[in-house]
Structures are given as C-alpha cells and as structure tokens.
C-alpha cells in the first residue's frame, strides 16, 4: 500500500512538475522569442556585413559620416542628394566605436535589431500577444533582411526604420488615452519627417501611409479624426521647424533646396509613369518570393473587404476594432509603398524588399481575424506562413551571404581566411570584387592594392584628393575631405546647369588645401567618377597641368605635384 501511494504521489508530482514547466514556458516564451530574434538580427547582420567592400555606395556613407565627425556641415561645407540624418547616425557610431569599417557594420546591426523589435511590437499590437509564432516570424524575416543585404548602414534602411517606428507609434496610440494618445501621433508625424531626412522618396511615402493610418486609427468619429490628424500634423510641423531652424542657422537652405529637393525630385518623377502607378497589375511586379507575400497580404485584405461589404456582423466587429482597421490598411498600403519605392529608387531589387516579411505577417494575421480563422480551425494558415516564410528566409539569407546585392561580387567568392591589413579595415573578409560584367576590360581588384595605397598615403602625411569610388580612403587615413561633392554622379543630385559653379567650388577648395597628392582609380562602377569623364573642366585642366604620374598600386594610380 505504501509503495502504491509513493508511486501515485510521484506520478502526481511529475504531472504537476510538467504542468509547471509548460506554464513557465507559456509565460516567458514570447519574451524569449523576441530576445532570440533581436540577437539573431544583430549577429547575422554583423557577420555578413563584414563580407566584402563595395567602394562606391559604402564610401558615400563612410565619407558622409566622417565629414560630419570632422565638423563639416551638410549643405554648407559639402553637398549630397540625401538628407543628413543617416550620415549623422553614422557619425555618432564613428564617435562611439572609432572611424573604421566595423562601426558601419555595427550601425547596420543595431538598425536591423531595432527594426525586428519594432515589427514584433507592431504584430503583437495588431494580432495579440499570444500569437508568439507570428510575432517571431515577422521579426525574424524583417531582422534577417533589413540591413544584412547591404551589410553596412544605408540611407534607405534608416528611412524605413523611421517608417516602422511611425507605424508602431500609431498602433501604440490605439491602446492609449487622451494626451498620451496624441503624443504618440505627434511622434509619428515627427518620424515621417525623419524618414524624409534620410531618403526623400521613403519620407513622402511614409507621410502618406502614416496619414492614412492616423485616419483609420481614429475612425469613425469625425471629431476624433480631426483631433488625431491635427496631432499628427503638429508633430510634422515641429520636426520641420527644428530642421528649418538648423538649416537657416548653421547650414544653407538654398543648397539643400537645390541638391536635395529640386534635382532628386525630378529624377524620381522620371523613373515612374502615372500609367504604371495607377494600374496595380503593372505596379506590383516584384521579383522572387516577395510576390507571394504580396499575394497573401492583398488576398487577405480583399477577403476582409468582401466580408465588410456583405456580412453585417463581421463589418460591425471589424470596424469597431482599431487594430483590425490598421491591419487592413497596412496589408494594402505597405506592398504599394515598398513597390513604388523600389521603382523610384531603381536599385538592385532585393535591397528594396526589406519589409516583405512584415507584409507576409500582415496577410497571415488578417486571415486569422476572419470568422473561424483561428489556428485550430484553419491549420493551413500557419502552414502557409511557414511555407512562404521559409522560402523568403532562404532567399534573403542566400543574397546576404553571397553579397549578391552588388554585381561586382561574383558568387562563391568568399575567402574567409583573407582579410585586409589596414587597421580600420581589419575585420573585412575579402570577396574578390571585379567590375567584369559592368566594364569587362576593367582589372580585378585585390586586397594588397588597398593595403598598399593606405600604407603609402600614411607615409606621406599629406592631404590628398580621391578621383574615383574610394572616398573611404579619407576617413581611414584621417584626412578631412578637401572638396565639397560627396560623390560624383551627374544628373543624380546636380545637372549640367550646376557644373560651372561646382567646378569653381571644387577647384578653389583643393587649391586652398594645397593638395599635392591625387589618388586616381583606373576603373569605376560609374565612369563619371573618374577624372577622364568628370564633368569639371577647370579641375581636370588643373590636374593635367600640375600633376605627374607617381607610383601605381593595382587599380590605384598616384599623381604628384
């Protein structure tokens, strides 16, 4: 009898023990999922961000952050096609972690982790805390893709990070009351301006999207809509006023209007037609797994719309929920935002599709909000999410690991045992970049060339001018850039009418700095960055009249005066 009681007691204790364990898992599981996703997003971006060095685009961010750290003022001491926000963020990371390549990767890793955390919070607010699997899926897909494909901090990603945080603020406002609610909406308005100050087309699309979401969050009462829109626009006005005050006090509003507004806006208009913009089958033509994400999201939104029209009970319950209204608006809006952005940016498409994971999660979440749409009654919904999500994850990981965002990196070119020796580039794993395929006759680059030119420049201890892609050479050698154009690309933020003024500005700047060394690159992604094609005739004449050939390091030629 005693033995039986002991056995029964042990079994009971084991049962309650297991129940206690599962209770703890259910209690802490969602938090552990979030922590794991954030850590993964950071670590993954940090690892792949050190694969390869793409001189043109990555030099823009490196040089811009370095200029601000040196005390140069955007649109006063130097000009560019973008707002100053992303470069200010990079300057902060240079200040904290040193002027090196890893600081750019760290900035990207933090941005990816914050994006994943924000997306998980948005998913939780819209579809409930209990759906940890959906929350984790959205964060995993966005965190894996957000910054890893570019590798280092970039302007588009900072713009979309501000967009995500603005969406989160509007979602948070639906759970708040009175002043706190309006404060959230004001912050959303300020974040729309910050998105614009990172990348203009992201900012415009963010403003439109957040304005619509503000109306959806406040509906259906007209008074609430007016109050909420007013709070949102107050946030916009405050942020614009702060930036305008800085622009007038410390910078030059005329240069900002010309080089960050007028010319880039014309470039954007030239890249997309109204016929394409207003015909969804033409507009929504992405590549890869993203079109599946669009299909899931827009399909779920269409089904919700049909039920709202024809099912009175569903209409009343759906429209009474701010979360449902916001999920519906996001499921329709974000695919269009992402696609219009891709078309007006005209870059490698995969870097433009960092929100595809959120789009998929919104569609899956909407399916779960439909009548009888729980995981138990419709097990195909989680299966669909995992199926499409797994393909999207593999595509993202493949592009990130193989650095396929850039055509200069051939597939399977990793050499994890080979690194650069310059201290500021020491963590970069070398991937043999070659411009073959862009310009088939161009030479292949190698790490010894970069190490050699850095060693030479440091031994000279003089200021120098870079004619080519590699303006990152300024920062890693501690030289303040001697000319005011962040990168040379005509018809991107300056056109032919600007050439005479810029020619004089560059020439006077390099003469004032008494430049005696020029680093000229033989090949470039954009030939217009090379002195042979550079549309600055007075500068080129000064170079040809005063400089003679010096040592050569692979793709780098040194000119001496």
Foldseek 3Di string as FASTA:
>chain_A
DVVVVVVVVVVVVVVVVVVVVVVVCLVCVLVVLLVVLLVCLLVLLLVLLLAADDQFQVLLLLQLLLQVLVPHDEQAQFYAQAANLLSVLLVVLCVVPNSFSSSQSNSLSNLLSLLLNLLLLLLCLQQHSSPSVLSSLLSNLLSLFLRLLVSGRALQSQLVSLLSQLLSLQSVLLVDDDPSSLQSLLSSLLSLVVSCSSPNLSSVLSVVLSLVLQQLLQPDDPVSNVSSSVSNVNSNVVNVVVVVVCCVPPHPVVSCCQQHNDLQVVLLPVQDDPVQLPPVVNQQDADFLLSVLLCLLVVLLVVLVVCLVPPVVSVVVQSVDSSSSSLSSCLPSPSSSLSSVCRSVVAQNSNSCSNSSSNNSSSLSSQCSPVLSPCVSCVVSVVSNCVSSVRSSVVSSLSSNQSVSDPQADGPQWDQVDFADLVSGRSRTHRFGDCCVLDNVGDTDDRQLVNVVLVVVLVVPAAEAEQARRSSSCSSSVHNHQAHYSAQDESNRHHPVCQVVRLVRRVVSCVVRVHFKYKAFQDHSDCCSGLVNPSNVVVNVCQVVPWDWDDHRRRITMTGD
